[in-house]
């Protein structure tokens, strides 16, 4: 069921500072300019790696869910892991049948890659927030 690791989500108080750090210290420039996802309350920028990506996530507005994370981790840090699945609804239903908790309403929403996503509760995933992302159709 689980596919490849798509990205590691990293919460940050400043995407600009994080982009500069990845470029200067690690030679990994941003894949594009940061963009806003108002429906999720975040600003996002991806750092391309040879086999995956880092998703930098900054709060967008006062209601951003990232504020709580940054309150506990003011300098930022690893927020989630994202794995691809072929069929998000089949993955959701299979995980629920095996006892996993899907966060929110349980209905997929469109994520930063333009494909449906869901999040699994960390209590069911060894303390790690896990995002499932439907693989882009051209990847099949």
N, C-alpha and C. Protein backbone atom coordinates (compact mmCIF):
# COMPACT_ATOMS: atom_id res chain seq x y z
N UNK A 1 0.82 -1.19 0.00
CA UNK A 1 0.00 0.00 0.00
C UNK A 1 0.86 1.26 0.00
N UNK A 2 1.85 1.34 0.90
CA UNK A 2 2.65 2.56 1.00
C UNK A 2 3.62 2.64 -0.17
N UNK A 3 3.76 3.84 -0.69
CA UNK A 3 4.67 4.06 -1.80
C UNK A 3 5.93 4.76 -1.34
N UNK A 4 6.53 5.47 -2.26
CA UNK A 4 7.81 6.12 -1.97
C UNK A 4 7.64 7.31 -1.03
N UNK A 5 8.71 7.64 -0.34
CA UNK A 5 8.74 8.85 0.47
C UNK A 5 8.73 10.02 -0.50
N UNK A 6 7.71 10.86 -0.41
CA UNK A 6 7.63 12.01 -1.30
C UNK A 6 8.41 13.19 -0.73
N UNK A 7 8.17 13.49 0.56
CA UNK A 7 8.89 14.60 1.18
C UNK A 7 8.87 14.50 2.69
N UNK A 8 9.77 15.28 3.30
CA UNK A 8 9.80 15.48 4.73
C UNK A 8 9.35 16.92 4.96
N UNK A 9 8.29 17.09 5.74
CA UNK A 9 7.80 18.43 6.05
C UNK A 9 8.58 19.03 7.21
N UNK A 10 9.06 20.25 7.03
CA UNK A 10 9.83 20.95 8.05
C UNK A 10 9.15 22.28 8.32
N UNK A 11 8.66 22.45 9.54
CA UNK A 11 8.06 23.73 9.94
C UNK A 11 9.18 24.73 10.20
N UNK A 12 8.94 25.97 9.82
CA UNK A 12 9.95 27.01 9.99
C UNK A 12 9.27 28.35 10.27
N UNK A 13 9.88 29.17 11.11
CA UNK A 13 9.33 30.51 11.31
C UNK A 13 9.61 31.43 10.12
N UNK A 14 10.57 31.03 9.25
CA UNK A 14 10.92 31.86 8.09
C UNK A 14 11.39 30.99 6.93
N UNK A 15 10.56 30.89 5.91
CA UNK A 15 10.96 30.15 4.72
C UNK A 15 12.21 30.78 4.10
N UNK A 16 12.25 32.10 4.06
CA UNK A 16 13.41 32.78 3.44
C UNK A 16 14.71 32.36 4.13
N UNK A 17 14.71 32.35 5.47
CA UNK A 17 15.92 31.95 6.20
C UNK A 17 16.25 30.48 5.96
N UNK A 18 15.23 29.63 5.92
CA UNK A 18 15.46 28.20 5.70
C UNK A 18 15.97 27.92 4.30
N UNK A 19 15.42 28.59 3.30
CA UNK A 19 15.88 28.42 1.92
C UNK A 19 17.36 28.82 1.82
N UNK A 20 17.69 29.92 2.44
CA UNK A 20 19.08 30.40 2.42
C UNK A 20 20.00 29.36 3.10
N UNK A 21 19.57 28.80 4.23
CA UNK A 21 20.38 27.81 4.93
C UNK A 21 20.61 26.57 4.07
N UNK A 22 19.54 26.02 3.47
CA UNK A 22 19.70 24.82 2.63
C UNK A 22 20.60 25.10 1.43
N UNK A 23 20.48 26.28 0.84
CA UNK A 23 21.30 26.62 -0.32
C UNK A 23 22.76 26.84 0.06
N UNK A 24 22.99 27.62 1.12
CA UNK A 24 24.36 27.98 1.49
C UNK A 24 25.10 26.84 2.18
N UNK A 25 24.45 26.13 3.08
CA UNK A 25 25.14 25.09 3.84
C UNK A 25 25.17 23.75 3.12
N UNK A 26 24.11 23.46 2.37
CA UNK A 26 24.00 22.12 1.80
C UNK A 26 23.99 22.10 0.27
N UNK A 27 24.00 23.26 -0.35
CA UNK A 27 24.00 23.31 -1.81
C UNK A 27 22.71 22.81 -2.43
N UNK A 28 21.61 22.99 -1.72
CA UNK A 28 20.30 22.51 -2.19
C UNK A 28 19.36 23.70 -2.34
N UNK A 29 19.28 24.26 -3.54
CA UNK A 29 18.43 25.44 -3.74
C UNK A 29 16.94 25.08 -3.78
N UNK A 30 16.12 26.09 -3.59
CA UNK A 30 14.67 25.90 -3.68
C UNK A 30 14.28 25.51 -5.10
N UNK A 31 13.26 24.68 -5.21
CA UNK A 31 12.78 24.23 -6.51
C UNK A 31 11.97 25.31 -7.22
N UNK A 32 11.43 26.26 -6.47
CA UNK A 32 10.58 27.31 -7.00
C UNK A 32 10.40 28.38 -5.94
N UNK A 33 9.67 29.40 -6.24
CA UNK A 33 9.36 30.45 -5.26
C UNK A 33 8.34 29.92 -4.26
N UNK A 34 8.37 30.40 -3.02
CA UNK A 34 7.34 30.00 -2.05
C UNK A 34 5.95 30.40 -2.55
N UNK A 35 4.95 29.62 -2.13
CA UNK A 35 3.57 29.93 -2.49
C UNK A 35 2.65 29.67 -1.31
N UNK A 36 1.51 30.33 -1.31
CA UNK A 36 0.56 30.24 -0.22
C UNK A 36 -0.49 29.17 -0.48
N UNK A 37 -0.86 28.46 0.58
CA UNK A 37 -1.97 27.52 0.57
C UNK A 37 -2.96 28.00 1.64
N UNK A 38 -3.77 29.01 1.31
CA UNK A 38 -4.66 29.60 2.32
C UNK A 38 -5.61 28.59 2.97
N UNK A 39 -6.08 27.60 2.22
CA UNK A 39 -7.01 26.62 2.77
C UNK A 39 -6.37 25.81 3.89
N UNK A 40 -5.03 25.70 3.88
CA UNK A 40 -4.33 24.95 4.91
C UNK A 40 -3.62 25.86 5.91
N UNK A 41 -3.66 27.17 5.65
CA UNK A 41 -3.05 28.12 6.57
C UNK A 41 -1.54 28.11 6.56
N UNK A 42 -0.94 27.76 5.41
CA UNK A 42 0.52 27.69 5.34
C UNK A 42 1.06 28.31 4.06
N UNK A 43 2.31 28.70 4.14
CA UNK A 43 3.14 29.11 3.00
C UNK A 43 4.13 27.98 2.82
N UNK A 44 4.41 27.59 1.58
CA UNK A 44 5.19 26.39 1.30
C UNK A 44 6.28 26.69 0.28
N UNK A 45 7.39 25.99 0.43
CA UNK A 45 8.46 26.01 -0.57
C UNK A 45 9.15 24.65 -0.53
N UNK A 46 9.43 24.09 -1.68
CA UNK A 46 10.08 22.78 -1.76
C UNK A 46 11.55 22.93 -2.11
N UNK A 47 12.36 22.11 -1.45
CA UNK A 47 13.78 21.96 -1.76
C UNK A 47 13.90 20.60 -2.45
N UNK A 48 14.39 20.59 -3.68
CA UNK A 48 14.54 19.32 -4.39
C UNK A 48 15.80 18.60 -3.95
N UNK A 49 15.66 17.29 -3.75
CA UNK A 49 16.77 16.40 -3.44
C UNK A 49 16.83 15.35 -4.53
N UNK A 50 17.91 14.62 -4.67
CA UNK A 50 17.97 13.61 -5.73
C UNK A 50 16.88 12.55 -5.66
N UNK A 51 16.41 12.21 -4.44
CA UNK A 51 15.44 11.13 -4.30
C UNK A 51 14.16 11.52 -3.58
N UNK A 52 14.00 12.80 -3.26
CA UNK A 52 12.83 13.24 -2.49
C UNK A 52 12.81 14.77 -2.47
N UNK A 53 12.03 15.32 -1.55
CA UNK A 53 11.99 16.77 -1.35
C UNK A 53 11.89 17.08 0.13
N UNK A 54 12.25 18.31 0.47
CA UNK A 54 11.96 18.87 1.78
C UNK A 54 10.89 19.92 1.54
N UNK A 55 9.81 19.84 2.29
CA UNK A 55 8.74 20.82 2.20
C UNK A 55 8.88 21.77 3.38
N UNK A 56 9.26 23.00 3.10
CA UNK A 56 9.34 24.02 4.14
C UNK A 56 7.94 24.60 4.33
N UNK A 57 7.50 24.68 5.58
CA UNK A 57 6.14 25.13 5.90
C UNK A 57 6.23 26.27 6.90
N UNK A 58 5.66 27.40 6.54
CA UNK A 58 5.63 28.59 7.39
C UNK A 58 4.17 28.93 7.67
N UNK A 59 3.86 29.41 8.87
CA UNK A 59 2.47 29.79 9.14
C UNK A 59 2.00 30.91 8.21
N UNK A 60 0.74 30.82 7.82
CA UNK A 60 0.12 31.85 6.98
C UNK A 60 -1.13 32.31 7.74
N UNK A 61 -1.03 33.45 8.36
CA UNK A 61 -2.17 33.96 9.12
C UNK A 61 -2.20 33.44 10.54
N UNK A 62 -3.07 34.03 11.34
CA UNK A 62 -3.15 33.72 12.77
C UNK A 62 -3.75 32.36 13.06
N UNK A 63 -4.54 31.79 12.14
CA UNK A 63 -5.20 30.51 12.37
C UNK A 63 -4.40 29.31 11.87
N UNK A 64 -3.17 29.53 11.48
CA UNK A 64 -2.36 28.45 10.92
C UNK A 64 -2.12 27.35 11.95
N UNK A 65 -2.29 26.09 11.55
CA UNK A 65 -2.00 24.99 12.47
C UNK A 65 -0.51 24.89 12.81
N UNK A 66 0.33 25.56 12.07
CA UNK A 66 1.78 25.50 12.31
C UNK A 66 2.17 26.35 13.53
N UNK A 67 1.32 27.32 13.91
CA UNK A 67 1.63 28.14 15.09
C UNK A 67 1.84 27.29 16.34
N UNK A 68 1.00 26.28 16.54
CA UNK A 68 1.13 25.42 17.72
C UNK A 68 2.45 24.67 17.72
N UNK A 69 2.83 24.17 16.55
CA UNK A 69 4.11 23.45 16.44
C UNK A 69 5.26 24.39 16.77
N UNK A 70 5.23 25.60 16.20
CA UNK A 70 6.33 26.55 16.42
C UNK A 70 6.34 27.09 17.85
N UNK A 71 5.20 27.09 18.52
CA UNK A 71 5.18 27.51 19.93
C UNK A 71 6.00 26.53 20.77
N UNK A 72 5.95 25.24 20.41
CA UNK A 72 6.72 24.21 21.13
C UNK A 72 8.14 24.09 20.59
N UNK A 73 8.34 24.49 19.34
CA UNK A 73 9.64 24.38 18.66
C UNK A 73 9.92 25.70 17.94
N UNK A 74 10.30 26.74 18.69
CA UNK A 74 10.41 28.09 18.10
C UNK A 74 11.35 28.20 16.90
N UNK A 75 12.35 27.35 16.83
CA UNK A 75 13.29 27.41 15.70
C UNK A 75 12.84 26.54 14.54
N UNK A 76 11.71 25.82 14.72
CA UNK A 76 11.21 24.94 13.68
C UNK A 76 11.69 23.52 13.89
N UNK A 77 11.39 22.67 12.91
CA UNK A 77 11.84 21.29 12.99
C UNK A 77 10.98 20.38 12.14
N UNK A 78 11.32 19.08 12.19
CA UNK A 78 10.58 18.11 11.38
C UNK A 78 9.13 18.08 11.83
N UNK A 79 8.23 18.25 10.89
CA UNK A 79 6.81 18.30 11.17
C UNK A 79 6.10 17.01 10.78
N UNK A 80 6.40 16.48 9.59
CA UNK A 80 5.74 15.25 9.13
C UNK A 80 6.56 14.56 8.05
N UNK A 81 6.18 13.30 7.80
CA UNK A 81 6.69 12.54 6.66
C UNK A 81 5.54 12.34 5.70
N UNK A 82 5.79 12.42 4.41
CA UNK A 82 4.75 12.23 3.40
C UNK A 82 5.11 11.05 2.50
N UNK A 83 4.18 10.08 2.44
CA UNK A 83 4.35 8.92 1.57
C UNK A 83 3.29 8.94 0.48
N UNK A 84 3.68 8.50 -0.70
CA UNK A 84 2.73 8.39 -1.80
C UNK A 84 1.93 7.10 -1.70
N UNK A 85 0.68 7.16 -2.13
CA UNK A 85 -0.18 5.98 -2.27
C UNK A 85 -0.86 6.10 -3.63
N UNK A 86 -1.19 4.96 -4.24
CA UNK A 86 -1.83 5.00 -5.56
C UNK A 86 -3.25 5.54 -5.50
N UNK A 87 -3.99 5.13 -4.48
CA UNK A 87 -5.41 5.50 -4.36
C UNK A 87 -5.65 5.96 -2.94
N UNK A 88 -5.86 7.26 -2.75
CA UNK A 88 -5.98 7.83 -1.40
C UNK A 88 -7.20 7.29 -0.66
N UNK A 89 -8.31 7.07 -1.37
CA UNK A 89 -9.52 6.57 -0.71
C UNK A 89 -9.34 5.11 -0.28
N UNK A 90 -8.73 4.30 -1.12
CA UNK A 90 -8.47 2.91 -0.75
C UNK A 90 -7.50 2.85 0.43
N UNK A 91 -6.49 3.71 0.42
CA UNK A 91 -5.53 3.75 1.53
C UNK A 91 -6.25 4.16 2.82
N UNK A 92 -7.07 5.21 2.74
CA UNK A 92 -7.82 5.66 3.91
C UNK A 92 -8.68 4.54 4.47
N UNK A 93 -9.44 3.91 3.61
CA UNK A 93 -10.36 2.86 4.05
C UNK A 93 -9.62 1.67 4.65
N UNK A 94 -8.51 1.30 4.04
CA UNK A 94 -7.71 0.19 4.56
C UNK A 94 -7.09 0.52 5.91
N UNK A 95 -6.60 1.73 6.06
CA UNK A 95 -6.01 2.14 7.33
C UNK A 95 -7.06 2.21 8.43
N UNK A 96 -8.21 2.75 8.11
CA UNK A 96 -9.31 2.79 9.10
C UNK A 96 -9.70 1.39 9.52
N UNK A 97 -9.79 0.48 8.57
CA UNK A 97 -10.17 -0.90 8.87
C UNK A 97 -9.16 -1.57 9.80
N UNK A 98 -7.91 -1.11 9.73
CA UNK A 98 -6.86 -1.66 10.59
C UNK A 98 -6.68 -0.84 11.87
N UNK A 99 -7.55 0.15 12.10
CA UNK A 99 -7.55 0.88 13.37
C UNK A 99 -6.83 2.21 13.39
N UNK A 100 -6.34 2.70 12.26
CA UNK A 100 -5.66 3.99 12.24
C UNK A 100 -6.67 5.13 12.28
N UNK A 101 -6.26 6.24 12.88
CA UNK A 101 -7.09 7.43 12.96
C UNK A 101 -6.68 8.41 11.88
N UNK A 102 -7.65 8.81 11.05
CA UNK A 102 -7.42 9.82 10.02
C UNK A 102 -7.78 11.17 10.64
N UNK A 103 -6.91 12.14 10.54
CA UNK A 103 -7.18 13.45 11.12
C UNK A 103 -8.21 14.23 10.30
N UNK A 104 -8.84 15.19 10.95
CA UNK A 104 -9.84 16.03 10.29
C UNK A 104 -11.11 15.25 10.01
N UNK A 105 -11.74 15.58 8.89
CA UNK A 105 -13.00 14.94 8.53
C UNK A 105 -12.79 13.54 7.94
N UNK A 106 -11.57 13.25 7.54
CA UNK A 106 -11.31 11.98 6.88
C UNK A 106 -11.45 12.06 5.38
N UNK A 107 -11.95 13.20 4.91
CA UNK A 107 -12.06 13.41 3.47
C UNK A 107 -10.78 14.04 2.96
N UNK A 108 -10.25 13.54 1.85
CA UNK A 108 -9.02 14.12 1.30
C UNK A 108 -9.22 15.59 0.91
N UNK A 109 -8.14 16.33 1.00
CA UNK A 109 -8.11 17.71 0.51
C UNK A 109 -6.93 17.81 -0.44
N UNK A 110 -6.87 18.88 -1.19
CA UNK A 110 -5.79 19.04 -2.17
C UNK A 110 -4.57 19.64 -1.48
N UNK A 111 -3.44 18.98 -1.64
CA UNK A 111 -2.20 19.41 -1.00
C UNK A 111 -1.34 20.27 -1.91
N UNK A 112 -0.14 20.54 -1.47
CA UNK A 112 0.79 21.44 -2.16
C UNK A 112 1.21 20.94 -3.54
N UNK A 113 1.14 19.62 -3.78
CA UNK A 113 1.49 19.08 -5.09
C UNK A 113 0.28 19.01 -6.02
N UNK A 114 -0.88 19.49 -5.54
CA UNK A 114 -2.08 19.48 -6.38
C UNK A 114 -2.79 18.14 -6.41
N UNK A 115 -2.45 17.23 -5.50
CA UNK A 115 -3.09 15.92 -5.43
C UNK A 115 -3.75 15.75 -4.06
N UNK A 116 -4.70 14.82 -3.94
CA UNK A 116 -5.38 14.61 -2.66
C UNK A 116 -4.42 14.11 -1.56
N UNK A 117 -4.64 14.62 -0.34
CA UNK A 117 -3.83 14.23 0.82
C UNK A 117 -4.72 13.93 2.02
N UNK A 118 -4.16 13.19 2.96
CA UNK A 118 -4.75 12.92 4.27
C UNK A 118 -3.60 12.87 5.29
N UNK A 119 -3.94 13.10 6.55
CA UNK A 119 -2.95 12.95 7.62
C UNK A 119 -3.40 11.87 8.59
N UNK A 120 -2.44 11.08 9.07
CA UNK A 120 -2.69 10.04 10.06
C UNK A 120 -2.24 10.53 11.42
N UNK A 121 -3.02 10.20 12.44
CA UNK A 121 -2.71 10.66 13.79
C UNK A 121 -1.38 10.07 14.26
N UNK A 122 -0.53 10.91 14.85
CA UNK A 122 0.77 10.42 15.32
C UNK A 122 0.67 9.28 16.34
N UNK A 123 -0.42 9.22 17.12
CA UNK A 123 -0.53 8.16 18.14
C UNK A 123 -0.58 6.78 17.50
N UNK A 124 -1.01 6.71 16.26
CA UNK A 124 -1.07 5.43 15.55
C UNK A 124 0.17 5.16 14.72
N UNK A 125 1.07 6.13 14.64
CA UNK A 125 2.22 6.03 13.74
C UNK A 125 3.55 6.23 14.49
N UNK A 126 3.62 5.70 15.70
CA UNK A 126 4.86 5.77 16.46
C UNK A 126 5.28 7.18 16.83
N UNK A 127 4.30 8.08 16.98
CA UNK A 127 4.61 9.45 17.36
C UNK A 127 4.93 10.37 16.20
N UNK A 128 4.82 9.89 14.97
CA UNK A 128 5.16 10.69 13.79
C UNK A 128 3.88 11.06 13.04
N UNK A 129 3.71 12.35 12.74
CA UNK A 129 2.61 12.78 11.89
C UNK A 129 2.94 12.32 10.47
N UNK A 130 2.03 11.55 9.88
CA UNK A 130 2.25 11.01 8.54
C UNK A 130 1.19 11.56 7.59
N UNK A 131 1.67 12.08 6.48
CA UNK A 131 0.80 12.54 5.40
C UNK A 131 0.81 11.47 4.32
N UNK A 132 -0.36 11.17 3.81
CA UNK A 132 -0.47 10.32 2.63
C UNK A 132 -0.89 11.20 1.47
N UNK A 133 -0.25 11.00 0.35
CA UNK A 133 -0.49 11.82 -0.84
C UNK A 133 -0.76 10.89 -2.01
N UNK A 134 -1.84 11.13 -2.72
CA UNK A 134 -2.10 10.31 -3.91
C UNK A 134 -1.03 10.62 -4.94
N UNK A 135 -0.42 9.57 -5.45
CA UNK A 135 0.66 9.76 -6.44
C UNK A 135 0.12 10.52 -7.64
N UNK A 136 0.92 11.46 -8.14
CA UNK A 136 0.50 12.13 -9.38
C UNK A 136 0.26 11.12 -10.48
N UNK A 137 -0.79 11.30 -11.26
CA UNK A 137 -1.19 10.30 -12.28
C UNK A 137 -0.09 10.05 -13.30
N UNK A 138 0.71 11.05 -13.63
CA UNK A 138 1.78 10.83 -14.61
C UNK A 138 2.89 9.93 -14.06
N UNK A 139 2.90 9.71 -12.71
CA UNK A 139 3.93 8.87 -12.10
C UNK A 139 3.59 7.37 -12.25
N UNK A 140 2.37 7.04 -12.65
CA UNK A 140 1.96 5.63 -12.77
C UNK A 140 2.46 5.01 -14.04
